[in-house]
Protein backbone atom coordinates (compact mmCIF):
# COMPACT_ATOMS: atom_id res chain seq x y z
CA MET A 1 -27.91 12.77 3.46
CA GLN A 2 -25.42 10.01 2.85
CA VAL A 3 -22.04 9.94 1.14
CA LYS A 4 -20.33 7.24 -0.93
CA LEU A 5 -16.56 7.43 -1.48
CA PHE A 6 -14.67 5.79 -4.33
CA ARG A 7 -10.88 5.47 -4.69
CA ALA A 8 -8.88 4.22 -7.66
CA GLY A 9 -5.45 4.48 -9.23
CA SER A 10 -6.69 5.73 -12.60
CA THR A 11 -9.56 7.78 -13.95
CA ASP A 12 -10.78 4.79 -15.98
CA ALA A 13 -10.93 2.59 -12.89
CA LEU A 14 -12.69 5.32 -10.91
CA GLU A 15 -15.25 5.77 -13.67
CA SER A 16 -15.89 2.01 -13.77
CA GLU A 17 -16.43 1.86 -9.99
CA VAL A 18 -18.82 4.81 -9.98
CA ASN A 19 -20.77 3.51 -12.97
CA ALA A 20 -21.10 0.03 -11.42
CA TRP A 21 -22.44 1.55 -8.18
CA LEU A 22 -24.85 3.80 -10.08
CA LYS A 23 -26.11 0.85 -12.11
CA VAL A 24 -27.16 -0.87 -8.88
CA ASN A 25 -28.31 2.19 -6.90
CA GLY A 26 -29.19 4.85 -9.46
CA ASP A 27 -32.96 4.30 -9.33
CA ARG A 28 -33.04 4.57 -5.54
CA ILE A 29 -31.00 7.74 -4.99
CA ASP A 30 -31.19 11.47 -5.60
CA ILE A 31 -27.67 12.86 -6.07
CA GLU A 32 -27.17 16.25 -4.46
CA HIS A 33 -23.43 16.89 -4.87
CA THR A 34 -20.30 15.28 -6.27
CA GLN A 35 -16.59 16.01 -5.83
CA ILE A 36 -13.42 14.65 -7.39
CA PHE A 37 -10.04 14.77 -5.65
CA THR A 38 -6.56 13.78 -6.71
CA SER A 39 -3.71 13.02 -4.37
CA LEU A 40 -0.17 11.71 -4.44
CA VAL A 41 0.30 8.63 -2.30
CA SER A 42 3.66 7.09 -1.53
CA ASN A 43 3.90 3.33 -1.71
CA SER A 44 6.09 1.48 0.77
CA ASP A 45 8.80 0.54 -1.72
CA ALA A 46 7.88 2.40 -4.89
CA GLU A 47 7.56 5.93 -6.18
CA ALA A 48 4.56 8.04 -5.31
CA GLY A 49 1.48 7.46 -7.41
CA THR A 50 -1.67 9.40 -8.12
CA VAL A 51 -4.91 8.36 -6.47
CA TYR A 52 -8.31 9.57 -7.65
CA ILE A 53 -11.15 9.93 -5.17
CA ALA A 54 -14.80 10.69 -5.88
CA SER A 55 -17.51 11.49 -3.38
CA ILE A 56 -21.21 11.33 -4.14
CA TRP A 57 -23.58 12.96 -1.64
CA TYR A 58 -27.10 11.63 -2.00
CA PHE A 59 -30.49 10.99 -0.45
CA GLU A 60 -32.16 7.60 -0.66
CA ILE A 61 -35.47 8.27 -2.37
CA THR A 62 -37.40 5.82 -0.16
CA LYS A 63 -36.24 7.61 3.01
CA ARG A 64 -37.00 11.14 1.84
């Protein structure tokens, strides 16, 4: 099983990244599990911001 991680500063950006990856790889994978995380991250000279992280656990169909 493999995992792909995505990280973005907004839910819209995260959704765009995941959808772009699925558009390229969706026919070749079998998704087994997904998770979404949120976290506060401090920037060096700015206030803390929220980061959204998604993980997709999958099998490549050709290797199964």
